């Protein structure tokens, strides 16, 4: 699968949706670089440790993905993107398909 980094237009849209940077302490790694790294891993299916160095530290990207998931940041972004797409006639949902082929079954569960 081909991977594309965020365009400037995409970045300008999602940047305001990110949590604010802390005023004190160690500066946070560049958000755009880290998000591109997260998207690279999720799109290509590679291991975190195989993420190219140009996207920063793989552990930082992995931690940020998980932390922002817990805080609802990804849902907030997705809701904003969908709202924008619907309101600008860039998305029309006629059919939705859910594929569970990648969802692992818990051990011991029988159908």
PDB file of N, CA and C in Angstrom:
ATOM      1  N   UNK A   1       0.840  -1.173   0.000  1.00  0.00           N
ATOM      2  CA  UNK A   1       0.000   0.000   0.000  1.00  0.00           C
ATOM      3  C   UNK A   1       0.890   1.243   0.000  1.00  0.00           C
ATOM      4  N   UNK A   2       0.478   2.227  -0.744  1.00  0.00           N
ATOM      5  CA  UNK A   2       1.246   3.462  -0.848  1.00  0.00           C
ATOM      6  C   UNK A   2       0.927   4.404   0.294  1.00  0.00           C
ATOM      7  N   UNK A   3       1.937   5.065   0.809  1.00  0.00           N
ATOM      8  CA  UNK A   3       1.768   5.986   1.929  1.00  0.00           C
ATOM      9  C   UNK A   3       2.024   7.409   1.468  1.00  0.00           C
ATOM     10  N   UNK A   4       1.190   8.332   1.912  1.00  0.00           N
ATOM     11  CA  UNK A   4       1.372   9.751   1.617  1.00  0.00           C
ATOM     12  C   UNK A   4       1.384  10.521   2.934  1.00  0.00           C
ATOM     13  N   UNK A   5       2.373  11.401   3.097  1.00  0.00           N
ATOM     14  CA  UNK A   5       2.421  12.246   4.283  1.00  0.00           C
ATOM     15  C   UNK A   5       1.301  13.275   4.221  1.00  0.00           C
ATOM     16  N   UNK A   6       1.002  13.871   5.367  1.00  0.00           N
ATOM     17  CA  UNK A   6      -0.022  14.897   5.423  1.00  0.00           C
ATOM     18  C   UNK A   6       0.334  16.068   4.513  1.00  0.00           C
ATOM     19  N   UNK A   7      -0.651  16.565   3.781  1.00  0.00           N
ATOM     20  CA  UNK A   7      -0.440  17.777   2.982  1.00  0.00           C
ATOM     21  C   UNK A   7      -0.526  18.979   3.921  1.00  0.00           C
ATOM     22  N   UNK A   8      -0.078  20.131   3.459  1.00  0.00           N
ATOM     23  CA  UNK A   8      -0.185  21.345   4.272  1.00  0.00           C
ATOM     24  C   UNK A   8      -1.649  21.643   4.601  1.00  0.00           C
ATOM     25  N   UNK A   9      -2.539  21.433   3.640  1.00  0.00           N
ATOM     26  CA  UNK A   9      -3.968  21.683   3.856  1.00  0.00           C
ATOM     27  C   UNK A   9      -4.526  20.748   4.933  1.00  0.00           C
ATOM     28  N   UNK A  10      -4.149  19.470   4.883  1.00  0.00           N
ATOM     29  CA  UNK A  10      -4.611  18.513   5.892  1.00  0.00           C
ATOM     30  C   UNK A  10      -4.066  18.888   7.270  1.00  0.00           C
ATOM     31  N   UNK A  11      -2.800  19.268   7.313  1.00  0.00           N
ATOM     32  CA  UNK A  11      -2.176  19.637   8.583  1.00  0.00           C
ATOM     33  C   UNK A  11      -2.857  20.865   9.182  1.00  0.00           C
ATOM     34  N   UNK A  12      -3.154  21.862   8.374  1.00  0.00           N
ATOM     35  CA  UNK A  12      -3.814  23.073   8.865  1.00  0.00           C
ATOM     36  C   UNK A  12      -5.202  22.750   9.426  1.00  0.00           C
ATOM     37  N   UNK A  13      -5.845  21.729   8.886  1.00  0.00           N
ATOM     38  CA  UNK A  13      -7.160  21.331   9.367  1.00  0.00           C
ATOM     39  C   UNK A  13      -7.078  20.633  10.721  1.00  0.00           C
ATOM     40  N   UNK A  14      -6.118  19.700  10.878  1.00  0.00           N
ATOM     41  CA  UNK A  14      -6.098  18.907  12.113  1.00  0.00           C
ATOM     42  C   UNK A  14      -5.277  19.528  13.240  1.00  0.00           C
ATOM     43  N   UNK A  15      -4.354  20.412  12.936  1.00  0.00           N
ATOM     44  CA  UNK A  15      -3.495  20.971  13.993  1.00  0.00           C
ATOM     45  C   UNK A  15      -4.291  21.596  15.141  1.00  0.00           C
ATOM     46  N   UNK A  16      -5.341  22.394  14.855  1.00  0.00           N
ATOM     47  CA  UNK A  16      -6.096  22.975  15.976  1.00  0.00           C
ATOM     48  C   UNK A  16      -6.835  21.947  16.828  1.00  0.00           C
ATOM     49  N   UNK A  17      -6.985  20.732  16.341  1.00  0.00           N
ATOM     50  CA  UNK A  17      -7.708  19.688  17.071  1.00  0.00           C
ATOM     51  C   UNK A  17      -6.812  18.931  18.043  1.00  0.00           C
ATOM     52  N   UNK A  18      -5.519  19.207  18.013  1.00  0.00           N
ATOM     53  CA  UNK A  18      -4.566  18.498  18.863  1.00  0.00           C
ATOM     54  C   UNK A  18      -4.540  19.092  20.270  1.00  0.00           C
ATOM     55  N   UNK A  19      -4.176  18.273  21.262  1.00  0.00           N
ATOM     56  CA  UNK A  19      -4.018  18.805  22.615  1.00  0.00           C
ATOM     57  C   UNK A  19      -2.932  19.888  22.630  1.00  0.00           C
ATOM     58  N   UNK A  20      -3.122  20.861  23.478  1.00  0.00           N
ATOM     59  CA  UNK A  20      -2.121  21.934  23.591  1.00  0.00           C
ATOM     60  C   UNK A  20      -0.832  21.389  24.175  1.00  0.00           C
ATOM     61  N   UNK A  21       0.261  22.010  23.756  1.00  0.00           N
ATOM     62  CA  UNK A  21       1.564  21.616  24.295  1.00  0.00           C
ATOM     63  C   UNK A  21       1.705  22.181  25.704  1.00  0.00           C
ATOM     64  N   UNK A  22       2.389  21.437  26.558  1.00  0.00           N
ATOM     65  CA  UNK A  22       2.608  21.875  27.934  1.00  0.00           C
ATOM     66  C   UNK A  22       3.490  23.122  27.941  1.00  0.00           C
ATOM     67  N   UNK A  23       3.214  24.004  28.859  1.00  0.00           N
ATOM     68  CA  UNK A  23       4.009  25.243  28.949  1.00  0.00           C
ATOM     69  C   UNK A  23       5.333  25.010  29.659  1.00  0.00           C
ATOM     70  N   UNK A  24       5.398  23.958  30.433  1.00  0.00           N
ATOM     71  CA  UNK A  24       6.625  23.653  31.158  1.00  0.00           C
ATOM     72  C   UNK A  24       7.101  22.258  30.797  1.00  0.00           C
ATOM     73  N   UNK A  25       8.310  21.960  31.202  1.00  0.00           N
ATOM     74  CA  UNK A  25       8.847  20.629  30.960  1.00  0.00           C
ATOM     75  C   UNK A  25       9.528  20.510  29.610  1.00  0.00           C
ATOM     76  N   UNK A  26       9.829  19.293  29.274  1.00  0.00           N
ATOM     77  CA  UNK A  26      10.526  19.007  28.015  1.00  0.00           C
ATOM     78  C   UNK A  26       9.605  19.273  26.826  1.00  0.00           C
ATOM     79  N   UNK A  27      10.120  19.942  25.801  1.00  0.00           N
ATOM     80  CA  UNK A  27       9.278  20.206  24.614  1.00  0.00           C
ATOM     81  C   UNK A  27       8.821  18.903  23.953  1.00  0.00           C
ATOM     82  N   UNK A  28       7.581  18.900  23.506  1.00  0.00           N
ATOM     83  CA  UNK A  28       7.005  17.728  22.851  1.00  0.00           C
ATOM     84  C   UNK A  28       7.586  17.594  21.446  1.00  0.00           C
ATOM     85  N   UNK A  29       7.825  16.356  21.029  1.00  0.00           N
ATOM     86  CA  UNK A  29       8.304  16.096  19.666  1.00  0.00           C
ATOM     87  C   UNK A  29       7.304  16.671  18.673  1.00  0.00           C
ATOM     88  N   UNK A  30       7.787  17.084  17.517  1.00  0.00           N
ATOM     89  CA  UNK A  30       6.971  17.719  16.495  1.00  0.00           C
ATOM     90  C   UNK A  30       5.737  16.876  16.166  1.00  0.00           C
ATOM     91  N   UNK A  31       4.559  17.468  16.351  1.00  0.00           N
ATOM     92  CA  UNK A  31       3.305  16.736  16.153  1.00  0.00           C
ATOM     93  C   UNK A  31       3.129  16.240  14.720  1.00  0.00           C
ATOM     94  N   UNK A  32       3.421  17.087  13.754  1.00  0.00           N
ATOM     95  CA  UNK A  32       3.204  16.680  12.354  1.00  0.00           C
ATOM     96  C   UNK A  32       4.104  15.507  11.992  1.00  0.00           C
ATOM     97  N   UNK A  33       5.346  15.558  12.407  1.00  0.00           N
ATOM     98  CA  UNK A  33       6.290  14.481  12.118  1.00  0.00           C
ATOM     99  C   UNK A  33       5.813  13.172  12.761  1.00  0.00           C
ATOM    100  N   UNK A  34       5.379  13.258  14.012  1.00  0.00           N
ATOM    101  CA  UNK A  34       4.932  12.074  14.737  1.00  0.00           C
ATOM    102  C   UNK A  34       3.656  11.506  14.117  1.00  0.00           C
ATOM    103  N   UNK A  35       2.713  12.369  13.750  1.00  0.00           N
ATOM    104  CA  UNK A  35       1.486  11.889  13.122  1.00  0.00           C
ATOM    105  C   UNK A  35       1.796  11.221  11.788  1.00  0.00           C
ATOM    106  N   UNK A  36       2.711  11.808  11.012  1.00  0.00           N
ATOM    107  CA  UNK A  36       3.110  11.147   9.762  1.00  0.00           C
ATOM    108  C   UNK A  36       3.704   9.773  10.048  1.00  0.00           C
ATOM    109  N   UNK A  37       4.474   9.656  11.122  1.00  0.00           N
ATOM    110  CA  UNK A  37       5.038   8.359  11.503  1.00  0.00           C
ATOM    111  C   UNK A  37       3.967   7.364  11.901  1.00  0.00           C
ATOM    112  N   UNK A  38       2.994   7.811  12.684  1.00  0.00           N
ATOM    113  CA  UNK A  38       1.880   6.950  13.083  1.00  0.00           C
ATOM    114  C   UNK A  38       1.127   6.474  11.847  1.00  0.00           C
ATOM    115  N   UNK A  39       0.831   7.407  10.955  1.00  0.00           N
ATOM    116  CA  UNK A  39       0.112   7.050   9.728  1.00  0.00           C
ATOM    117  C   UNK A  39       0.929   6.093   8.861  1.00  0.00           C
ATOM    118  N   UNK A  40       2.250   6.282   8.859  1.00  0.00           N
ATOM    119  CA  UNK A  40       3.121   5.387   8.083  1.00  0.00           C
ATOM    120  C   UNK A  40       2.988   3.952   8.598  1.00  0.00           C
ATOM    121  N   UNK A  41       3.102   3.790   9.909  1.00  0.00           N
ATOM    122  CA  UNK A  41       3.031   2.447  10.498  1.00  0.00           C
ATOM    123  C   UNK A  41       1.651   1.830  10.279  1.00  0.00           C
ATOM    124  N   UNK A  42       0.598   2.605  10.513  1.00  0.00           N
ATOM    125  CA  UNK A  42      -0.752   2.068  10.368  1.00  0.00           C
ATOM    126  C   UNK A  42      -1.104   1.770   8.915  1.00  0.00           C
ATOM    127  N   UNK A  43      -0.567   2.553   7.996  1.00  0.00           N
ATOM    128  CA  UNK A  43      -0.862   2.348   6.572  1.00  0.00           C
ATOM    129  C   UNK A  43      -0.070   1.189   5.984  1.00  0.00           C
ATOM    130  N   UNK A  44       1.209   1.118   6.319  1.00  0.00           N
ATOM    131  CA  UNK A  44       2.062   0.087   5.722  1.00  0.00           C
ATOM    132  C   UNK A  44       1.999  -1.239   6.460  1.00  0.00           C
ATOM    133  N   UNK A  45       1.623  -1.196   7.742  1.00  0.00           N
ATOM    134  CA  UNK A  45       1.576  -2.416   8.538  1.00  0.00           C
ATOM    135  C   UNK A  45       2.932  -2.853   9.058  1.00  0.00           C
ATOM    136  N   UNK A  46       3.924  -1.980   8.967  1.00  0.00           N
ATOM    137  CA  UNK A  46       5.260  -2.346   9.454  1.00  0.00           C
ATOM    138  C   UNK A  46       5.290  -2.325  10.982  1.00  0.00           C
ATOM    139  N   UNK A  47       6.341  -2.872  11.549  1.00  0.00           N
ATOM    140  CA  UNK A  47       6.535  -2.836  12.994  1.00  0.00           C
ATOM    141  C   UNK A  47       6.949  -1.417  13.380  1.00  0.00           C
ATOM    142  N   UNK A  48       6.650  -1.018  14.617  1.00  0.00           N
ATOM    143  CA  UNK A  48       7.047   0.311  15.072  1.00  0.00           C
ATOM    144  C   UNK A  48       8.546   0.522  14.923  1.00  0.00           C
ATOM    145  N   UNK A  49       9.307  -0.504  15.238  1.00  0.00           N
ATOM    146  CA  UNK A  49      10.762  -0.364  15.173  1.00  0.00           C
ATOM    147  C   UNK A  49      11.265  -0.182  13.737  1.00  0.00           C
ATOM    148  N   UNK A  50      10.431  -0.461  12.749  1.00  0.00           N
ATOM    149  CA  UNK A  50      10.812  -0.290  11.344  1.00  0.00           C
ATOM    150  C   UNK A  50      10.333   1.036  10.763  1.00  0.00           C
ATOM    151  N   UNK A  51       9.719   1.865  11.585  1.00  0.00           N
ATOM    152  CA  UNK A  51       9.285   3.189  11.137  1.00  0.00           C
ATOM    153  C   UNK A  51      10.525   4.000  10.757  1.00  0.00           C
ATOM    154  N   UNK A  52      10.534   4.647   9.596  1.00  0.00           N
ATOM    155  CA  UNK A  52      11.713   5.427   9.190  1.00  0.00           C
ATOM    156  C   UNK A  52      12.060   6.515  10.213  1.00  0.00           C
ATOM    157  N   UNK A  53      13.352   6.739  10.407  1.00  0.00           N
ATOM    158  CA  UNK A  53      13.838   7.711  11.382  1.00  0.00           C
ATOM    159  C   UNK A  53      13.351   9.129  11.114  1.00  0.00           C
ATOM    160  N   UNK A  54      13.010   9.431   9.874  1.00  0.00           N
ATOM    161  CA  UNK A  54      12.581  10.799   9.561  1.00  0.00           C
ATOM    162  C   UNK A  54      11.263  11.160  10.253  1.00  0.00           C
ATOM    163  N   UNK A  55      10.556  10.152  10.802  1.00  0.00           N
ATOM    164  CA  UNK A  55       9.316  10.398  11.525  1.00  0.00           C
ATOM    165  C   UNK A  55       9.530  10.444  13.035  1.00  0.00           C
ATOM    166  N   UNK A  56      10.764  10.497  13.450  1.00  0.00           N
ATOM    167  CA  UNK A  56      11.066  10.589  14.875  1.00  0.00           C
ATOM    168  C   UNK A  56      11.224   9.223  15.517  1.00  0.00           C
ATOM    169  N   UNK A  57      11.151   9.228  16.829  1.00  0.00           N
ATOM    170  CA  UNK A  57      11.352   8.015  17.613  1.00  0.00           C
ATOM    171  C   UNK A  57      10.106   7.133  17.570  1.00  0.00           C
ATOM    172  N   UNK A  58      10.285   5.864  17.274  1.00  0.00           N
ATOM    173  CA  UNK A  58       9.147   4.945  17.163  1.00  0.00           C
ATOM    174  C   UNK A  58       8.398   4.794  18.483  1.00  0.00           C
ATOM    175  N   UNK A  59       9.116   4.820  19.595  1.00  0.00           N
ATOM    176  CA  UNK A  59       8.454   4.693  20.903  1.00  0.00           C
ATOM    177  C   UNK A  59       7.586   5.912  21.189  1.00  0.00           C
ATOM    178  N   UNK A  60       8.079   7.088  20.806  1.00  0.00           N
ATOM    179  CA  UNK A  60       7.302   8.314  20.992  1.00  0.00           C
ATOM    180  C   UNK A  60       6.023   8.254  20.176  1.00  0.00           C
ATOM    181  N   UNK A  61       6.118   7.826  18.941  1.00  0.00           N
ATOM    182  CA  UNK A  61       4.948   7.728  18.075  1.00  0.00           C
ATOM    183  C   UNK A  61       3.942   6.719  18.635  1.00  0.00           C
ATOM    184  N   UNK A  62       4.420   5.589  19.076  1.00  0.00           N
ATOM    185  CA  UNK A  62       3.551   4.549  19.628  1.00  0.00           C
ATOM    186  C   UNK A  62       2.859   5.045  20.899  1.00  0.00           C
ATOM    187  N   UNK A  63       3.617   5.680  21.784  1.00  0.00           N
ATOM    188  CA  UNK A  63       3.038   6.207  23.025  1.00  0.00           C
ATOM    189  C   UNK A  63       1.992   7.286  22.733  1.00  0.00           C
ATOM    190  N   UNK A  64       2.305   8.157  21.777  1.00  0.00           N
ATOM    191  CA  UNK A  64       1.362   9.234  21.462  1.00  0.00           C
ATOM    192  C   UNK A  64       0.076   8.668  20.847  1.00  0.00           C
ATOM    193  N   UNK A  65       0.213   7.674  19.990  1.00  0.00           N
ATOM    194  CA  UNK A  65      -0.975   7.033  19.425  1.00  0.00           C
ATOM    195  C   UNK A  65      -1.876   6.521  20.544  1.00  0.00           C
ATOM    196  N   UNK A  66      -1.309   5.808  21.491  1.00  0.00           N
ATOM    197  CA  UNK A  66      -2.079   5.221  22.594  1.00  0.00           C
ATOM    198  C   UNK A  66      -2.638   6.290  23.535  1.00  0.00           C
ATOM    199  N   UNK A  67      -1.827   7.291  23.871  1.00  0.00           N
ATOM    200  CA  UNK A  67      -2.267   8.347  24.781  1.00  0.00           C
ATOM    201  C   UNK A  67      -3.419   9.133  24.172  1.00  0.00           C
ATOM    202  N   UNK A  68      -3.282   9.489  22.907  1.00  0.00           N
ATOM    203  CA  UNK A  68      -4.339  10.257  22.253  1.00  0.00           C
ATOM    204  C   UNK A  68      -5.594   9.422  22.036  1.00  0.00           C
ATOM    205  N   UNK A  69      -5.443   8.122  21.919  1.00  0.00           N
ATOM    206  CA  UNK A  69      -6.611   7.246  21.825  1.00  0.00           C
ATOM    207  C   UNK A  69      -7.381   7.286  23.144  1.00  0.00           C
ATOM    208  N   UNK A  70      -6.657   7.175  24.259  1.00  0.00           N
ATOM    209  CA  UNK A  70      -7.293   7.224  25.582  1.00  0.00           C
ATOM    210  C   UNK A  70      -7.999   8.557  25.813  1.00  0.00           C
ATOM    211  N   UNK A  71      -7.412   9.642  25.314  1.00  0.00           N
ATOM    212  CA  UNK A  71      -7.973  10.985  25.519  1.00  0.00           C
ATOM    213  C   UNK A  71      -9.055  11.349  24.502  1.00  0.00           C
ATOM    214  N   UNK A  72      -9.297  10.498  23.515  1.00  0.00           N
ATOM    215  CA  UNK A  72     -10.334  10.766  22.535  1.00  0.00           C
ATOM    216  C   UNK A  72      -9.921  11.721  21.418  1.00  0.00           C
ATOM    217  N   UNK A  73      -8.618  11.975  21.291  1.00  0.00           N
ATOM    218  CA  UNK A  73      -8.130  12.910  20.270  1.00  0.00           C
ATOM    219  C   UNK A  73      -8.409  12.399  18.862  1.00  0.00           C
ATOM    220  N   UNK A  74      -8.198  11.118  18.623  1.00  0.00           N
ATOM    221  CA  UNK A  74      -8.415  10.568  17.280  1.00  0.00           C
ATOM    222  C   UNK A  74      -9.892  10.619  16.905  1.00  0.00           C
ATOM    223  N   UNK A  75     -10.778  10.348  17.864  1.00  0.00           N
ATOM    224  CA  UNK A  75     -12.218  10.419  17.587  1.00  0.00           C
ATOM    225  C   UNK A  75     -12.617  11.852  17.258  1.00  0.00           C
ATOM    226  N   UNK A  76     -12.075  12.791  17.997  1.00  0.00           N
ATOM    227  CA  UNK A  76     -12.371  14.209  17.745  1.00  0.00           C
ATOM    228  C   UNK A  76     -11.943  14.607  16.330  1.00  0.00           C
ATOM    229  N   UNK A  77     -10.771  14.143  15.916  1.00  0.00           N
ATOM    230  CA  UNK A  77     -10.286  14.431  14.560  1.00  0.00           C
ATOM    231  C   UNK A  77     -11.201  13.795  13.520  1.00  0.00           C
ATOM    232  N   UNK A  78     -11.549  12.539  13.728  1.00  0.00           N
ATOM    233  CA  UNK A  78     -12.379  11.835  12.755  1.00  0.00           C
ATOM    234  C   UNK A  78     -13.755  12.476  12.640  1.00  0.00           C
ATOM    235  N   UNK A  79     -14.341  12.853  13.768  1.00  0.00           N
ATOM    236  CA  UNK A  79     -15.640  13.528  13.746  1.00  0.00           C
ATOM    237  C   UNK A  79     -15.564  14.840  12.976  1.00  0.00           C
ATOM    238  N   UNK A  80     -14.499  15.603  13.173  1.00  0.00           N
ATOM    239  CA  UNK A  80     -14.333  16.880  12.475  1.00  0.00           C
ATOM    240  C   UNK A  80     -14.145  16.663  10.976  1.00  0.00           C
ATOM    241  N   UNK A  81     -13.375  15.661  10.609  1.00  0.00           N
ATOM    242  CA  UNK A  81     -13.137  15.363   9.190  1.00  0.00           C
ATOM    243  C   UNK A  81     -14.443  14.943   8.519  1.00  0.00           C
ATOM    244  N   UNK A  82     -15.202  14.055   9.159  1.00  0.00           N
ATOM    245  CA  UNK A  82     -16.477  13.606   8.598  1.00  0.00           C
ATOM    246  C   UNK A  82     -17.470  14.758   8.476  1.00  0.00           C
ATOM    247  N   UNK A  83     -17.528  15.589   9.499  1.00  0.00           N
ATOM    248  CA  UNK A  83     -18.433  16.741   9.465  1.00  0.00           C
ATOM    249  C   UNK A  83     -18.077  17.675   8.312  1.00  0.00           C
ATOM    250  N   UNK A  84     -16.789  17.954   8.155  1.00  0.00           N
ATOM    251  CA  UNK A  84     -16.329  18.805   7.059  1.00  0.00           C
ATOM    252  C   UNK A  84     -16.670  18.181   5.697  1.00  0.00           C
ATOM    253  N   UNK A  85     -16.407  16.897   5.571  1.00  0.00           N
ATOM    254  CA  UNK A  85     -16.645  16.211   4.297  1.00  0.00           C
ATOM    255  C   UNK A  85     -18.126  16.206   3.932  1.00  0.00           C
ATOM    256  N   UNK A  86     -18.995  15.913   4.908  1.00  0.00           N
ATOM    257  CA  UNK A  86     -20.437  15.919   4.637  1.00  0.00           C
ATOM    258  C   UNK A  86     -20.920  17.317   4.255  1.00  0.00           C
ATOM    259  N   UNK A  87     -20.493  18.319   5.025  1.00  0.00           N
ATOM    260  CA  UNK A  87     -20.989  19.677   4.788  1.00  0.00           C
ATOM    261  C   UNK A  87     -20.461  20.285   3.488  1.00  0.00           C
ATOM    262  N   UNK A  88     -19.386  19.745   2.948  1.00  0.00           N
ATOM    263  CA  UNK A  88     -18.821  20.254   1.698  1.00  0.00           C
ATOM    264  C   UNK A  88     -19.049  19.293   0.526  1.00  0.00           C
ATOM    265  N   UNK A  89     -20.001  18.394   0.693  1.00  0.00           N
ATOM    266  CA  UNK A  89     -20.362  17.430  -0.356  1.00  0.00           C
ATOM    267  C   UNK A  89     -19.163  16.640  -0.888  1.00  0.00           C
ATOM    268  N   UNK A  90     -18.240  16.310  -0.010  1.00  0.00           N
ATOM    269  CA  UNK A  90     -17.082  15.511  -0.400  1.00  0.00           C
ATOM    270  C   UNK A  90     -17.248  14.056   0.030  1.00  0.00           C
ATOM    271  N   UNK A  91     -18.341  13.788   0.739  1.00  0.00           N
ATOM    272  CA  UNK A  91     -18.595  12.438   1.216  1.00  0.00           C
ATOM    273  C   UNK A  91     -20.094  12.201   1.238  1.00  0.00           C
ATOM    274  N   UNK A  92     -20.489  11.077   0.681  1.00  0.00           N
ATOM    275  CA  UNK A  92     -21.893  10.690   0.706  1.00  0.00           C
ATOM    276  C   UNK A  92     -21.946   9.224   1.099  1.00  0.00           C
ATOM    277  N   UNK A  93     -22.496   8.968   2.248  1.00  0.00           N
ATOM    278  CA  UNK A  93     -22.538   7.611   2.762  1.00  0.00           C
ATOM    279  C   UNK A  93     -23.795   6.915   2.265  1.00  0.00           C
ATOM    280  N   UNK A  94     -23.631   6.033   1.291  1.00  0.00           N
ATOM    281  CA  UNK A  94     -24.753   5.248   0.782  1.00  0.00           C
ATOM    282  C   UNK A  94     -24.691   3.827   1.320  1.00  0.00           C
ATOM    283  N   UNK A  95     -23.473   3.323   1.479  1.00  0.00           N
ATOM    284  CA  UNK A  95     -23.279   1.956   1.929  1.00  0.00           C
ATOM    285  C   UNK A  95     -22.116   1.933   2.914  1.00  0.00           C
ATOM    286  N   UNK A  96     -22.260   1.200   3.992  1.00  0.00           N
ATOM    287  CA  UNK A  96     -21.172   1.016   4.944  1.00  0.00           C
ATOM    288  C   UNK A  96     -20.931  -0.480   5.095  1.00  0.00           C
ATOM    289  N   UNK A  97     -19.669  -0.861   5.124  1.00  0.00           N
ATOM    290  CA  UNK A  97     -19.311  -2.268   5.260  1.00  0.00           C
ATOM    291  C   UNK A  97     -18.336  -2.395   6.430  1.00  0.00           C
ATOM    292  N   UNK A  98     -18.610  -3.331   7.291  1.00  0.00           N
ATOM    293  CA  UNK A  98     -17.718  -3.614   8.405  1.00  0.00           C
ATOM    294  C   UNK A  98     -17.122  -4.985   8.168  1.00  0.00           C
ATOM    295  N   UNK A  99     -15.797  -5.044   8.174  1.00  0.00           N
ATOM    296  CA  UNK A  99     -15.098  -6.300   7.920  1.00  0.00           C
ATOM    297  C   UNK A  99     -14.387  -6.710   9.190  1.00  0.00           C
ATOM    298  N   UNK A 100     -14.749  -7.836   9.735  1.00  0.00           N
ATOM    299  CA  UNK A 100     -14.149  -8.284  10.990  1.00  0.00           C
ATOM    300  C   UNK A 100     -12.987  -9.245  10.789  1.00  0.00           C
ATOM    301  N   UNK A 101     -12.471  -9.344   9.582  1.00  0.00           N
ATOM    302  CA  UNK A 101     -11.408 -10.311   9.335  1.00  0.00           C
ATOM    303  C   UNK A 101     -10.135  -9.986  10.104  1.00  0.00           C
ATOM    304  N   UNK A 102      -9.975  -8.731  10.534  1.00  0.00           N
ATOM    305  CA  UNK A 102      -8.773  -8.346  11.275  1.00  0.00           C
ATOM    306  C   UNK A 102      -9.016  -8.232  12.773  1.00  0.00           C
ATOM    307  N   UNK A 103     -10.190  -8.623  13.235  1.00  0.00           N
ATOM    308  CA  UNK A 103     -10.514  -8.534  14.645  1.00  0.00           C
ATOM    309  C   UNK A 103     -10.235  -9.887  15.286  1.00  0.00           C
ATOM    310  N   UNK A 104      -9.324  -9.897  16.225  1.00  0.00           N
ATOM    311  CA  UNK A 104      -8.951 -11.153  16.880  1.00  0.00           C
ATOM    312  C   UNK A 104     -10.040 -11.596  17.850  1.00  0.00           C
ATOM    313  N   UNK A 105     -10.341 -12.880  17.837  1.00  0.00           N
ATOM    314  CA  UNK A 105     -11.304 -13.443  18.783  1.00  0.00           C
ATOM    315  C   UNK A 105     -10.580 -13.728  20.092  1.00  0.00           C
ATOM    316  N   UNK A 106     -11.267 -13.514  21.199  1.00  0.00           N
ATOM    317  CA  UNK A 106     -10.662 -13.807  22.497  1.00  0.00           C
ATOM    318  C   UNK A 106     -10.556 -15.313  22.673  1.00  0.00           C
ATOM    319  N   UNK A 107      -9.507 -15.727  23.338  1.00  0.00           N
ATOM    320  CA  UNK A 107      -9.297 -17.158  23.554  1.00  0.00           C
ATOM    321  C   UNK A 107     -10.450 -17.733  24.380  1.00  0.00           C
ATOM    322  N   UNK A 108     -10.888 -18.877  23.985  1.00  0.00           N
ATOM    323  CA  UNK A 108     -11.938 -19.560  24.714  1.00  0.00           C
ATOM    324  C   UNK A 108     -13.348 -19.200  24.282  1.00  0.00           C
ATOM    325  N   UNK A 109     -13.483 -18.222  23.415  1.00  0.00           N
ATOM    326  CA  UNK A 109     -14.809 -17.832  22.946  1.00  0.00           C
ATOM    327  C   UNK A 109     -15.215 -18.745  21.807  1.00  0.00           C
ATOM    328  N   UNK A 110     -16.405 -19.314  21.894  1.00  0.00           N
ATOM    329  CA  UNK A 110     -16.905 -20.205  20.844  1.00  0.00           C
ATOM    330  C   UNK A 110     -18.159 -19.608  20.258  1.00  0.00           C
ATOM    331  N   UNK A 111     -18.308 -19.764  18.958  1.00  0.00           N
ATOM    332  CA  UNK A 111     -19.487 -19.223  18.281  1.00  0.00           C
ATOM    333  C   UNK A 111     -20.442 -20.308  17.967  1.00  0.00           C
TER     334      UNK A 111
END
